[in-house]
Amino acid sequence: MKRNWEVIKEILIAVEGSESPLNAKITLESFDDSKLDVYYYHFDMLCGTNLVDSSIDMGQHGIKYFNIQSLTFEGHDFLDTIRSDTVWNKVKELSMKKSIELTFDSIKKLSALAITSLAS
């Protein structure tokens, strides 16, 4: 399965929007059941980054249960970078135009270009 930045953005926005970091918990059940495998894959990836504070519980038969409590400082910065649809669409446009794959680092660099381009 390929990484889908739209799904990652959706998850990060949901985590940020949770009511209270003291008892917040975003789980797979918070998302569309018809794409559960897609969310499972992206939750697993996000839990391995320093964008979110999370825990993984192992259930029966090795099934992972993900709990994402909050965004980290870096997670907030990254979400702030991709939140605006205008900036995000410009990042994707620049990526395609320059034949650059969207990675965590390239998104940060392209977003700086996008913001500069949109500001002028």
PDB file of N, CA and C in Angstrom:
ATOM      1  N   MET A   1       0.851  -1.180   0.000  1.00  0.00           N
ATOM      2  CA  MET A   1       0.000   0.000   0.000  1.00  0.00           C
ATOM      3  C   MET A   1       0.894   1.240   0.000  1.00  0.00           C
ATOM      4  N   LYS A   2       0.463   2.239  -0.730  1.00  0.00           N
ATOM      5  CA  LYS A   2       1.225   3.486  -0.790  1.00  0.00           C
ATOM      6  C   LYS A   2       0.771   4.452   0.298  1.00  0.00           C
ATOM      7  N   ARG A   3       1.697   5.269   0.700  1.00  0.00           N
ATOM      8  CA  ARG A   3       1.388   6.318   1.663  1.00  0.00           C
ATOM      9  C   ARG A   3       0.471   7.342   0.995  1.00  0.00           C
ATOM     10  N   ASN A   4      -0.564   7.743   1.711  1.00  0.00           N
ATOM     11  CA  ASN A   4      -1.536   8.690   1.188  1.00  0.00           C
ATOM     12  C   ASN A   4      -1.538   9.916   2.100  1.00  0.00           C
ATOM     13  N   TRP A   5      -1.008  11.016   1.595  1.00  0.00           N
ATOM     14  CA  TRP A   5      -0.876  12.223   2.410  1.00  0.00           C
ATOM     15  C   TRP A   5      -2.227  12.823   2.771  1.00  0.00           C
ATOM     16  N   GLU A   6      -3.248  12.584   1.955  1.00  0.00           N
ATOM     17  CA  GLU A   6      -4.591  13.080   2.283  1.00  0.00           C
ATOM     18  C   GLU A   6      -5.125  12.375   3.533  1.00  0.00           C
ATOM     19  N   VAL A   7      -4.879  11.082   3.640  1.00  0.00           N
ATOM     20  CA  VAL A   7      -5.304  10.316   4.820  1.00  0.00           C
ATOM     21  C   VAL A   7      -4.523  10.781   6.046  1.00  0.00           C
ATOM     22  N   ILE A   8      -3.232  10.991   5.882  1.00  0.00           N
ATOM     23  CA  ILE A   8      -2.409  11.474   6.994  1.00  0.00           C
ATOM     24  C   ILE A   8      -2.912  12.826   7.468  1.00  0.00           C
ATOM     25  N   LYS A   9      -3.201  13.709   6.539  1.00  0.00           N
ATOM     26  CA  LYS A   9      -3.729  15.030   6.881  1.00  0.00           C
ATOM     27  C   LYS A   9      -5.049  14.887   7.634  1.00  0.00           C
ATOM     28  N   GLU A  10      -5.925  14.021   7.155  1.00  0.00           N
ATOM     29  CA  GLU A  10      -7.222  13.804   7.808  1.00  0.00           C
ATOM     30  C   GLU A  10      -7.051  13.314   9.250  1.00  0.00           C
ATOM     31  N   ILE A  11      -6.127  12.385   9.452  1.00  0.00           N
ATOM     32  CA  ILE A  11      -5.891  11.858  10.801  1.00  0.00           C
ATOM     33  C   ILE A  11      -5.330  12.950  11.711  1.00  0.00           C
ATOM     34  N   LEU A  12      -4.359  13.704  11.221  1.00  0.00           N
ATOM     35  CA  LEU A  12      -3.760  14.759  12.043  1.00  0.00           C
ATOM     36  C   LEU A  12      -4.785  15.828  12.427  1.00  0.00           C
ATOM     37  N   ILE A  13      -5.661  16.182  11.501  1.00  0.00           N
ATOM     38  CA  ILE A  13      -6.709  17.161  11.795  1.00  0.00           C
ATOM     39  C   ILE A  13      -7.671  16.614  12.854  1.00  0.00           C
ATOM     40  N   ALA A  14      -8.000  15.324  12.757  1.00  0.00           N
ATOM     41  CA  ALA A  14      -8.888  14.710  13.757  1.00  0.00           C
ATOM     42  C   ALA A  14      -8.237  14.706  15.137  1.00  0.00           C
ATOM     43  N   VAL A  15      -6.950  14.420  15.185  1.00  0.00           N
ATOM     44  CA  VAL A  15      -6.241  14.404  16.473  1.00  0.00           C
ATOM     45  C   VAL A  15      -6.236  15.810  17.068  1.00  0.00           C
ATOM     46  N   GLU A  16      -5.919  16.793  16.254  1.00  0.00           N
ATOM     47  CA  GLU A  16      -5.887  18.167  16.743  1.00  0.00           C
ATOM     48  C   GLU A  16      -7.264  18.614  17.235  1.00  0.00           C
ATOM     49  N   GLY A  17      -8.304  18.146  16.574  1.00  0.00           N
ATOM     50  CA  GLY A  17      -9.657  18.557  16.911  1.00  0.00           C
ATOM     51  C   GLY A  17     -10.274  17.832  18.091  1.00  0.00           C
ATOM     52  N   SER A  18      -9.549  16.889  18.676  1.00  0.00           N
ATOM     53  CA  SER A  18     -10.113  16.174  19.824  1.00  0.00           C
ATOM     54  C   SER A  18     -10.290  17.147  20.985  1.00  0.00           C
ATOM     55  N   GLU A  19     -11.290  16.882  21.794  1.00  0.00           N
ATOM     56  CA  GLU A  19     -11.735  17.848  22.794  1.00  0.00           C
ATOM     57  C   GLU A  19     -10.706  18.211  23.848  1.00  0.00           C
ATOM     58  N   SER A  20     -10.052  17.247  24.425  1.00  0.00           N
ATOM     59  CA  SER A  20      -9.121  17.528  25.513  1.00  0.00           C
ATOM     60  C   SER A  20      -7.938  16.583  25.435  1.00  0.00           C
ATOM     61  N   PRO A  21      -6.725  17.086  25.469  1.00  0.00           N
ATOM     62  CA  PRO A  21      -5.571  16.199  25.404  1.00  0.00           C
ATOM     63  C   PRO A  21      -5.467  15.280  26.623  1.00  0.00           C
ATOM     64  N   LEU A  22      -6.169  15.612  27.696  1.00  0.00           N
ATOM     65  CA  LEU A  22      -6.086  14.773  28.891  1.00  0.00           C
ATOM     66  C   LEU A  22      -6.825  13.446  28.721  1.00  0.00           C
ATOM     67  N   ASN A  23      -7.908  13.468  27.961  1.00  0.00           N
ATOM     68  CA  ASN A  23      -8.642  12.219  27.766  1.00  0.00           C
ATOM     69  C   ASN A  23      -8.934  11.947  26.295  1.00  0.00           C
ATOM     70  N   ALA A  24      -8.208  12.615  25.418  1.00  0.00           N
ATOM     71  CA  ALA A  24      -8.415  12.431  23.987  1.00  0.00           C
ATOM     72  C   ALA A  24      -7.912  11.060  23.559  1.00  0.00           C
ATOM     73  N   LYS A  25      -8.598  10.489  22.623  1.00  0.00           N
ATOM     74  CA  LYS A  25      -8.131   9.232  22.071  1.00  0.00           C
ATOM     75  C   LYS A  25      -8.758   9.079  20.694  1.00  0.00           C
ATOM     76  N   ILE A  26      -7.939   9.134  19.693  1.00  0.00           N
ATOM     77  CA  ILE A  26      -8.401   8.909  18.336  1.00  0.00           C
ATOM     78  C   ILE A  26      -8.031   7.469  17.990  1.00  0.00           C
ATOM     79  N   THR A  27      -9.026   6.715  17.559  1.00  0.00           N
ATOM     80  CA  THR A  27      -8.807   5.311  17.209  1.00  0.00           C
ATOM     81  C   THR A  27      -9.304   5.066  15.792  1.00  0.00           C
ATOM     82  N   LEU A  28      -9.075   3.880  15.290  1.00  0.00           N
ATOM     83  CA  LEU A  28      -9.547   3.537  13.958  1.00  0.00           C
ATOM     84  C   LEU A  28     -11.055   3.674  13.837  1.00  0.00           C
ATOM     85  N   GLU A  29     -11.767   3.451  14.942  1.00  0.00           N
ATOM     86  CA  GLU A  29     -13.223   3.536  14.923  1.00  0.00           C
ATOM     87  C   GLU A  29     -13.714   4.955  14.643  1.00  0.00           C
ATOM     88  N   SER A  30     -12.812   5.931  14.711  1.00  0.00           N
ATOM     89  CA  SER A  30     -13.173   7.325  14.451  1.00  0.00           C
ATOM     90  C   SER A  30     -13.303   7.614  12.949  1.00  0.00           C
ATOM     91  N   PHE A  31     -12.975   6.635  12.092  1.00  0.00           N
ATOM     92  CA  PHE A  31     -12.911   6.874  10.653  1.00  0.00           C
ATOM     93  C   PHE A  31     -13.794   5.906   9.874  1.00  0.00           C
ATOM     94  N   ASP A  32     -13.887   6.128   8.593  1.00  0.00           N
ATOM     95  CA  ASP A  32     -14.729   5.380   7.662  1.00  0.00           C
ATOM     96  C   ASP A  32     -14.403   3.883   7.663  1.00  0.00           C
ATOM     97  N   ASP A  33     -15.394   3.067   8.028  1.00  0.00           N
ATOM     98  CA  ASP A  33     -15.209   1.609   8.090  1.00  0.00           C
ATOM     99  C   ASP A  33     -14.862   0.999   6.737  1.00  0.00           C
ATOM    100  N   SER A  34     -15.327   1.608   5.668  1.00  0.00           N
ATOM    101  CA  SER A  34     -15.104   1.011   4.351  1.00  0.00           C
ATOM    102  C   SER A  34     -13.640   1.102   3.915  1.00  0.00           C
ATOM    103  N   LYS A  35     -12.848   1.963   4.597  1.00  0.00           N
ATOM    104  CA  LYS A  35     -11.421   2.093   4.264  1.00  0.00           C
ATOM    105  C   LYS A  35     -10.556   1.764   5.481  1.00  0.00           C
ATOM    106  N   LEU A  36     -11.019   0.835   6.287  1.00  0.00           N
ATOM    107  CA  LEU A  36     -10.340   0.513   7.534  1.00  0.00           C
ATOM    108  C   LEU A  36      -8.889   0.079   7.314  1.00  0.00           C
ATOM    109  N   ASP A  37      -8.633  -0.697   6.260  1.00  0.00           N
ATOM    110  CA  ASP A  37      -7.268  -1.149   5.995  1.00  0.00           C
ATOM    111  C   ASP A  37      -6.343   0.026   5.672  1.00  0.00           C
ATOM    112  N   VAL A  38      -6.863   1.038   4.983  1.00  0.00           N
ATOM    113  CA  VAL A  38      -6.074   2.231   4.644  1.00  0.00           C
ATOM    114  C   VAL A  38      -5.724   3.000   5.921  1.00  0.00           C
ATOM    115  N   TYR A  39      -6.723   3.190   6.783  1.00  0.00           N
ATOM    116  CA  TYR A  39      -6.474   3.905   8.039  1.00  0.00           C
ATOM    117  C   TYR A  39      -5.548   3.109   8.959  1.00  0.00           C
ATOM    118  N   TYR A  40      -5.728   1.797   8.995  1.00  0.00           N
ATOM    119  CA  TYR A  40      -4.871   0.938   9.811  1.00  0.00           C
ATOM    120  C   TYR A  40      -3.413   1.138   9.406  1.00  0.00           C
ATOM    121  N   TYR A  41      -3.142   1.093   8.126  1.00  0.00           N
ATOM    122  CA  TYR A  41      -1.790   1.258   7.596  1.00  0.00           C
ATOM    123  C   TYR A  41      -1.205   2.617   7.981  1.00  0.00           C
ATOM    124  N   HIS A  42      -2.006   3.676   7.849  1.00  0.00           N
ATOM    125  CA  HIS A  42      -1.515   5.022   8.134  1.00  0.00           C
ATOM    126  C   HIS A  42      -1.400   5.293   9.627  1.00  0.00           C
ATOM    127  N   PHE A  43      -2.294   4.711  10.426  1.00  0.00           N
ATOM    128  CA  PHE A  43      -2.138   4.805  11.879  1.00  0.00           C
ATOM    129  C   PHE A  43      -0.823   4.159  12.288  1.00  0.00           C
ATOM    130  N   ASP A  44      -0.540   2.991  11.746  1.00  0.00           N
ATOM    131  CA  ASP A  44       0.686   2.267  12.064  1.00  0.00           C
ATOM    132  C   ASP A  44       1.908   3.117  11.717  1.00  0.00           C
ATOM    133  N   MET A  45       1.873   3.743  10.555  1.00  0.00           N
ATOM    134  CA  MET A  45       2.983   4.618  10.157  1.00  0.00           C
ATOM    135  C   MET A  45       3.114   5.811  11.089  1.00  0.00           C
ATOM    136  N   LEU A  46       1.995   6.488  11.358  1.00  0.00           N
ATOM    137  CA  LEU A  46       2.037   7.688  12.208  1.00  0.00           C
ATOM    138  C   LEU A  46       2.521   7.380  13.613  1.00  0.00           C
ATOM    139  N   CYS A  47       2.158   6.222  14.132  1.00  0.00           N
ATOM    140  CA  CYS A  47       2.589   5.864  15.487  1.00  0.00           C
ATOM    141  C   CYS A  47       4.098   5.656  15.551  1.00  0.00           C
ATOM    142  N   GLY A  48       4.732   5.476  14.406  1.00  0.00           N
ATOM    143  CA  GLY A  48       6.178   5.317  14.356  1.00  0.00           C
ATOM    144  C   GLY A  48       6.914   6.614  14.110  1.00  0.00           C
ATOM    145  N   THR A  49       6.200   7.723  14.094  1.00  0.00           N
ATOM    146  CA  THR A  49       6.826   9.025  13.852  1.00  0.00           C
ATOM    147  C   THR A  49       6.840   9.844  15.134  1.00  0.00           C
ATOM    148  N   ASN A  50       7.452  10.998  15.050  1.00  0.00           N
ATOM    149  CA  ASN A  50       7.400  11.912  16.193  1.00  0.00           C
ATOM    150  C   ASN A  50       6.404  13.041  15.934  1.00  0.00           C
ATOM    151  N   LEU A  51       5.360  12.745  15.130  1.00  0.00           N
ATOM    152  CA  LEU A  51       4.302  13.718  14.884  1.00  0.00           C
ATOM    153  C   LEU A  51       3.170  13.591  15.900  1.00  0.00           C
ATOM    154  N   VAL A  52       3.022  12.392  16.477  1.00  0.00           N
ATOM    155  CA  VAL A  52       1.922  12.143  17.408  1.00  0.00           C
ATOM    156  C   VAL A  52       2.426  11.427  18.654  1.00  0.00           C
ATOM    157  N   ASP A  53       1.704  11.661  19.759  1.00  0.00           N
ATOM    158  CA  ASP A  53       1.899  10.863  20.963  1.00  0.00           C
ATOM    159  C   ASP A  53       0.868   9.754  20.886  1.00  0.00           C
ATOM    160  N   SER A  54       1.321   8.518  20.933  1.00  0.00           N
ATOM    161  CA  SER A  54       0.408   7.414  20.682  1.00  0.00           C
ATOM    162  C   SER A  54       0.823   6.176  21.456  1.00  0.00           C
ATOM    163  N   SER A  55      -0.076   5.217  21.439  1.00  0.00           N
ATOM    164  CA  SER A  55       0.237   3.909  22.004  1.00  0.00           C
ATOM    165  C   SER A  55      -0.377   2.849  21.104  1.00  0.00           C
ATOM    166  N   ILE A  56       0.228   1.696  21.138  1.00  0.00           N
ATOM    167  CA  ILE A  56      -0.272   0.563  20.362  1.00  0.00           C
ATOM    168  C   ILE A  56      -0.476  -0.584  21.335  1.00  0.00           C
ATOM    169  N   ASP A  57      -1.674  -1.131  21.351  1.00  0.00           N
ATOM    170  CA  ASP A  57      -1.977  -2.296  22.175  1.00  0.00           C
ATOM    171  C   ASP A  57      -2.124  -3.491  21.256  1.00  0.00           C
ATOM    172  N   MET A  58      -1.540  -4.588  21.653  1.00  0.00           N
ATOM    173  CA  MET A  58      -1.663  -5.809  20.854  1.00  0.00           C
ATOM    174  C   MET A  58      -2.854  -6.612  21.348  1.00  0.00           C
ATOM    175  N   GLY A  59      -3.734  -6.933  20.429  1.00  0.00           N
ATOM    176  CA  GLY A  59      -4.900  -7.742  20.756  1.00  0.00           C
ATOM    177  C   GLY A  59      -4.671  -9.186  20.364  1.00  0.00           C
ATOM    178  N   GLN A  60      -5.749  -9.919  20.328  1.00  0.00           N
ATOM    179  CA  GLN A  60      -5.670 -11.330  19.938  1.00  0.00           C
ATOM    180  C   GLN A  60      -5.193 -11.433  18.494  1.00  0.00           C
ATOM    181  N   HIS A  61      -4.490 -12.489  18.218  1.00  0.00           N
ATOM    182  CA  HIS A  61      -4.006 -12.800  16.868  1.00  0.00           C
ATOM    183  C   HIS A  61      -3.095 -11.709  16.307  1.00  0.00           C
ATOM    184  N   GLY A  62      -2.432 -10.953  17.186  1.00  0.00           N
ATOM    185  CA  GLY A  62      -1.463  -9.956  16.734  1.00  0.00           C
ATOM    186  C   GLY A  62      -2.070  -8.698  16.147  1.00  0.00           C
ATOM    187  N   ILE A  63      -3.367  -8.494  16.311  1.00  0.00           N
ATOM    188  CA  ILE A  63      -4.011  -7.297  15.776  1.00  0.00           C
ATOM    189  C   ILE A  63      -3.639  -6.103  16.652  1.00  0.00           C
ATOM    190  N   LYS A  64      -3.232  -5.021  16.013  1.00  0.00           N
ATOM    191  CA  LYS A  64      -2.829  -3.824  16.737  1.00  0.00           C
ATOM    192  C   LYS A  64      -4.027  -2.906  16.934  1.00  0.00           C
ATOM    193  N   TYR A  65      -4.111  -2.321  18.123  1.00  0.00           N
ATOM    194  CA  TYR A  65      -5.113  -1.308  18.424  1.00  0.00           C
ATOM    195  C   TYR A  65      -4.364  -0.006  18.687  1.00  0.00           C
ATOM    196  N   PHE A  66      -4.684   1.019  17.923  1.00  0.00           N
ATOM    197  CA  PHE A  66      -3.956   2.282  17.983  1.00  0.00           C
ATOM    198  C   PHE A  66      -4.733   3.318  18.772  1.00  0.00           C
ATOM    199  N   ASN A  67      -4.035   4.041  19.594  1.00  0.00           N
ATOM    200  CA  ASN A  67      -4.606   5.169  20.322  1.00  0.00           C
ATOM    201  C   ASN A  67      -3.676   6.354  20.117  1.00  0.00           C
ATOM    202  N   ILE A  68      -4.181   7.377  19.487  1.00  0.00           N
ATOM    203  CA  ILE A  68      -3.387   8.588  19.313  1.00  0.00           C
ATOM    204  C   ILE A  68      -3.978   9.641  20.235  1.00  0.00           C
ATOM    205  N   GLN A  69      -3.164  10.091  21.195  1.00  0.00           N
ATOM    206  CA  GLN A  69      -3.654  11.034  22.194  1.00  0.00           C
ATOM    207  C   GLN A  69      -3.532  12.487  21.756  1.00  0.00           C
ATOM    208  N   SER A  70      -2.424  12.836  21.117  1.00  0.00           N
ATOM    209  CA  SER A  70      -2.218  14.243  20.771  1.00  0.00           C
ATOM    210  C   SER A  70      -1.142  14.382  19.711  1.00  0.00           C
ATOM    211  N   LEU A  71      -1.061  15.594  19.176  1.00  0.00           N
ATOM    212  CA  LEU A  71       0.032  15.933  18.280  1.00  0.00           C
ATOM    213  C   LEU A  71       1.219  16.381  19.117  1.00  0.00           C
ATOM    214  N   THR A  72       2.399  16.120  18.627  1.00  0.00           N
ATOM    215  CA  THR A  72       3.598  16.659  19.257  1.00  0.00           C
ATOM    216  C   THR A  72       3.798  18.088  18.740  1.00  0.00           C
ATOM    217  N   PHE A  73       4.795  18.769  19.257  1.00  0.00           N
ATOM    218  CA  PHE A  73       5.120  20.112  18.773  1.00  0.00           C
ATOM    219  C   PHE A  73       5.398  20.054  17.272  1.00  0.00           C
ATOM    220  N   GLU A  74       6.190  19.072  16.860  1.00  0.00           N
ATOM    221  CA  GLU A  74       6.514  18.909  15.438  1.00  0.00           C
ATOM    222  C   GLU A  74       5.267  18.554  14.631  1.00  0.00           C
ATOM    223  N   GLY A  75       4.379  17.760  15.224  1.00  0.00           N
ATOM    224  CA  GLY A  75       3.129  17.410  14.554  1.00  0.00           C
ATOM    225  C   GLY A  75       2.255  18.629  14.303  1.00  0.00           C
ATOM    226  N   HIS A  76       2.181  19.532  15.286  1.00  0.00           N
ATOM    227  CA  HIS A  76       1.431  20.780  15.098  1.00  0.00           C
ATOM    228  C   HIS A  76       2.055  21.614  13.983  1.00  0.00           C
ATOM    229  N   ASP A  77       3.382  21.724  13.983  1.00  0.00           N
ATOM    230  CA  ASP A  77       4.062  22.492  12.935  1.00  0.00           C
ATOM    231  C   ASP A  77       3.786  21.896  11.558  1.00  0.00           C
ATOM    232  N   PHE A  78       3.874  20.575  11.462  1.00  0.00           N
ATOM    233  CA  PHE A  78       3.646  19.929  10.172  1.00  0.00           C
ATOM    234  C   PHE A  78       2.210  20.132   9.709  1.00  0.00           C
ATOM    235  N   LEU A  79       1.252  19.953  10.614  1.00  0.00           N
ATOM    236  CA  LEU A  79      -0.151  20.155  10.242  1.00  0.00           C
ATOM    237  C   LEU A  79      -0.391  21.602   9.833  1.00  0.00           C
ATOM    238  N   ASP A  80       0.212  22.539  10.531  1.00  0.00           N
ATOM    239  CA  ASP A  80       0.070  23.943  10.143  1.00  0.00           C
ATOM    240  C   ASP A  80       0.593  24.176   8.734  1.00  0.00           C
ATOM    241  N   THR A  81       1.583  23.407   8.331  1.00  0.00           N
ATOM    242  CA  THR A  81       2.156  23.515   6.992  1.00  0.00           C
ATOM    243  C   THR A  81       1.182  23.027   5.926  1.00  0.00           C
ATOM    244  N   ILE A  82       0.455  21.945   6.205  1.00  0.00           N
ATOM    245  CA  ILE A  82      -0.386  21.333   5.163  1.00  0.00           C
ATOM    246  C   ILE A  82      -1.886  21.593   5.345  1.00  0.00           C
ATOM    247  N   ARG A  83      -2.273  22.279   6.413  1.00  0.00           N
ATOM    248  CA  ARG A  83      -3.700  22.482   6.697  1.00  0.00           C
ATOM    249  C   ARG A  83      -4.424  23.286   5.609  1.00  0.00           C
ATOM    250  N   SER A  84      -3.853  24.399   5.207  1.00  0.00           N
ATOM    251  CA  SER A  84      -4.491  25.260   4.214  1.00  0.00           C
ATOM    252  C   SER A  84      -4.588  24.526   2.881  1.00  0.00           C
ATOM    253  N   ASP A  85      -5.807  24.409   2.367  1.00  0.00           N
ATOM    254  CA  ASP A  85      -5.972  23.743   1.072  1.00  0.00           C
ATOM    255  C   ASP A  85      -5.244  24.488  -0.032  1.00  0.00           C
ATOM    256  N   THR A  86      -5.185  25.805   0.070  1.00  0.00           N
ATOM    257  CA  THR A  86      -4.485  26.607  -0.935  1.00  0.00           C
ATOM    258  C   THR A  86      -3.001  26.254  -0.953  1.00  0.00           C
ATOM    259  N   VAL A  87      -2.380  26.231   0.224  1.00  0.00           N
ATOM    260  CA  VAL A  87      -0.951  25.893   0.312  1.00  0.00           C
ATOM    261  C   VAL A  87      -0.742  24.436  -0.066  1.00  0.00           C
ATOM    262  N   TRP A  88      -1.586  23.542   0.451  1.00  0.00           N
ATOM    263  CA  TRP A  88      -1.449  22.112   0.181  1.00  0.00           C
ATOM    264  C   TRP A  88      -1.566  21.833  -1.312  1.00  0.00           C
ATOM    265  N   ASN A  89      -2.523  22.450  -1.983  1.00  0.00           N
ATOM    266  CA  ASN A  89      -2.674  22.241  -3.429  1.00  0.00           C
ATOM    267  C   ASN A  89      -1.469  22.784  -4.189  1.00  0.00           C
ATOM    268  N   LYS A  90      -0.920  23.891  -3.725  1.00  0.00           N
ATOM    269  CA  LYS A  90       0.275  24.464  -4.362  1.00  0.00           C
ATOM    270  C   LYS A  90       1.482  23.538  -4.154  1.00  0.00           C
ATOM    271  N   VAL A  91       1.596  22.944  -2.963  1.00  0.00           N
ATOM    272  CA  VAL A  91       2.679  21.982  -2.693  1.00  0.00           C
ATOM    273  C   VAL A  91       2.567  20.810  -3.666  1.00  0.00           C
ATOM    274  N   LYS A  92       1.361  20.279  -3.834  1.00  0.00           N
ATOM    275  CA  LYS A  92       1.171  19.143  -4.749  1.00  0.00           C
ATOM    276  C   LYS A  92       1.463  19.552  -6.192  1.00  0.00           C
ATOM    277  N   GLU A  93       1.053  20.763  -6.560  1.00  0.00           N
ATOM    278  CA  GLU A  93       1.323  21.266  -7.905  1.00  0.00           C
ATOM    279  C   GLU A  93       2.828  21.398  -8.145  1.00  0.00           C
ATOM    280  N   LEU A  94       3.544  22.004  -7.193  1.00  0.00           N
ATOM    281  CA  LEU A  94       4.997  22.151  -7.323  1.00  0.00           C
ATOM    282  C   LEU A  94       5.685  20.791  -7.382  1.00  0.00           C
ATOM    283  N   SER A  95       5.200  19.856  -6.591  1.00  0.00           N
ATOM    284  CA  SER A  95       5.766  18.505  -6.578  1.00  0.00           C
ATOM    285  C   SER A  95       5.649  17.849  -7.953  1.00  0.00           C
ATOM    286  N   MET A  96       4.468  17.973  -8.557  1.00  0.00           N
ATOM    287  CA  MET A  96       4.269  17.376  -9.880  1.00  0.00           C
ATOM    288  C   MET A  96       5.089  18.101 -10.933  1.00  0.00           C
ATOM    289  N   LYS A  97       5.091  19.434 -10.864  1.00  0.00           N
ATOM    290  CA  LYS A  97       5.804  20.239 -11.857  1.00  0.00           C
ATOM    291  C   LYS A  97       7.305  19.952 -11.831  1.00  0.00           C
ATOM    292  N   LYS A  98       7.857  19.758 -10.649  1.00  0.00           N
ATOM    293  CA  LYS A  98       9.298  19.537 -10.501  1.00  0.00           C
ATOM    294  C   LYS A  98       9.664  18.052 -10.389  1.00  0.00           C
ATOM    295  N   SER A  99       8.650  17.176 -10.536  1.00  0.00           N
ATOM    296  CA  SER A  99       8.846  15.716 -10.441  1.00  0.00           C
ATOM    297  C   SER A  99       9.536  15.319  -9.136  1.00  0.00           C
ATOM    298  N   ILE A 100       9.031  15.867  -8.041  1.00  0.00           N
ATOM    299  CA  ILE A 100       9.559  15.561  -6.717  1.00  0.00           C
ATOM    300  C   ILE A 100       8.524  14.736  -5.972  1.00  0.00           C
ATOM    301  N   GLU A 101       8.943  13.613  -5.452  1.00  0.00           N
ATOM    302  CA  GLU A 101       8.043  12.785  -4.645  1.00  0.00           C
ATOM    303  C   GLU A 101       7.689  13.516  -3.355  1.00  0.00           C
ATOM    304  N   LEU A 102       6.466  13.338  -2.901  1.00  0.00           N
ATOM    305  CA  LEU A 102       6.061  13.939  -1.637  1.00  0.00           C
ATOM    306  C   LEU A 102       6.575  13.083  -0.484  1.00  0.00           C
ATOM    307  N   THR A 103       7.513  13.644   0.239  1.00  0.00           N
ATOM    308  CA  THR A 103       8.032  13.037   1.459  1.00  0.00           C
ATOM    309  C   THR A 103       7.870  14.069   2.560  1.00  0.00           C
ATOM    310  N   PHE A 104       8.091  13.649   3.773  1.00  0.00           N
ATOM    311  CA  PHE A 104       7.985  14.569   4.902  1.00  0.00           C
ATOM    312  C   PHE A 104       8.877  15.787   4.675  1.00  0.00           C
ATOM    313  N   ASP A 105      10.128  15.562   4.320  1.00  0.00           N
ATOM    314  CA  ASP A 105      11.074  16.663   4.109  1.00  0.00           C
ATOM    315  C   ASP A 105      10.727  17.512   2.886  1.00  0.00           C
ATOM    316  N   SER A 106      10.327  16.857   1.783  1.00  0.00           N
ATOM    317  CA  SER A 106      10.011  17.645   0.588  1.00  0.00           C
ATOM    318  C   SER A 106       8.757  18.484   0.800  1.00  0.00           C
ATOM    319  N   ILE A 107       7.796  17.982   1.573  1.00  0.00           N
ATOM    320  CA  ILE A 107       6.593  18.771   1.853  1.00  0.00           C
ATOM    321  C   ILE A 107       6.965  20.030   2.619  1.00  0.00           C
ATOM    322  N   LYS A 108       7.841  19.887   3.604  1.00  0.00           N
ATOM    323  CA  LYS A 108       8.252  21.066   4.373  1.00  0.00           C
ATOM    324  C   LYS A 108       8.945  22.090   3.473  1.00  0.00           C
ATOM    325  N   LYS A 109       9.827  21.619   2.584  1.00  0.00           N
ATOM    326  CA  LYS A 109      10.547  22.542   1.699  1.00  0.00           C
ATOM    327  C   LYS A 109       9.636  23.137   0.634  1.00  0.00           C
ATOM    328  N   LEU A 110       8.784  22.303   0.049  1.00  0.00           N
ATOM    329  CA  LEU A 110       7.874  22.806  -0.980  1.00  0.00           C
ATOM    330  C   LEU A 110       6.832  23.762  -0.402  1.00  0.00           C
ATOM    331  N   SER A 111       6.448  23.536   0.847  1.00  0.00           N
ATOM    332  CA  SER A 111       5.467  24.440   1.456  1.00  0.00           C
ATOM    333  C   SER A 111       6.072  25.841   1.636  1.00  0.00           C
ATOM    334  N   ALA A 112       7.360  25.904   1.922  1.00  0.00           N
ATOM    335  CA  ALA A 112       8.021  27.212   2.026  1.00  0.00           C
ATOM    336  C   ALA A 112       7.986  27.910   0.670  1.00  0.00           C
ATOM    337  N   LEU A 113       8.242  27.164  -0.412  1.00  0.00           N
ATOM    338  CA  LEU A 113       8.165  27.731  -1.760  1.00  0.00           C
ATOM    339  C   LEU A 113       6.736  28.138  -2.091  1.00  0.00           C
ATOM    340  N   ALA A 114       5.791  27.290  -1.722  1.00  0.00           N
ATOM    341  CA  ALA A 114       4.382  27.570  -2.014  1.00  0.00           C
ATOM    342  C   ALA A 114       3.925  28.845  -1.321  1.00  0.00           C
ATOM    343  N   ILE A 115       4.293  28.989  -0.067  1.00  0.00           N
ATOM    344  CA  ILE A 115       3.886  30.179   0.696  1.00  0.00           C
ATOM    345  C   ILE A 115       4.518  31.424   0.102  1.00  0.00           C
ATOM    346  N   THR A 116       5.788  31.332  -0.270  1.00  0.00           N
ATOM    347  CA  THR A 116       6.472  32.470  -0.914  1.00  0.00           C
ATOM    348  C   THR A 116       5.779  32.818  -2.233  1.00  0.00           C
ATOM    349  N   SER A 117       5.457  31.798  -3.022  1.00  0.00           N
ATOM    350  CA  SER A 117       4.808  31.999  -4.304  1.00  0.00           C
ATOM    351  C   SER A 117       3.422  32.621  -4.140  1.00  0.00           C
ATOM    352  N   LEU A 118       2.674  32.155  -3.154  1.00  0.00           N
ATOM    353  CA  LEU A 118       1.323  32.671  -2.924  1.00  0.00           C
ATOM    354  C   LEU A 118       1.340  34.079  -2.333  1.00  0.00           C
ATOM    355  N   ALA A 119       2.403  34.398  -1.606  1.00  0.00           N
ATOM    356  CA  ALA A 119       2.490  35.710  -0.944  1.00  0.00           C
ATOM    357  C   ALA A 119       2.896  36.816  -1.920  1.00  0.00           C
ATOM    358  N   SER A 120       3.480  36.438  -3.064  1.00  0.00           N
ATOM    359  CA  SER A 120       3.928  37.496  -3.980  1.00  0.00           C
ATOM    360  C   SER A 120       2.900  37.826  -5.029  1.00  0.00           C
TER     361      SER A 120
END
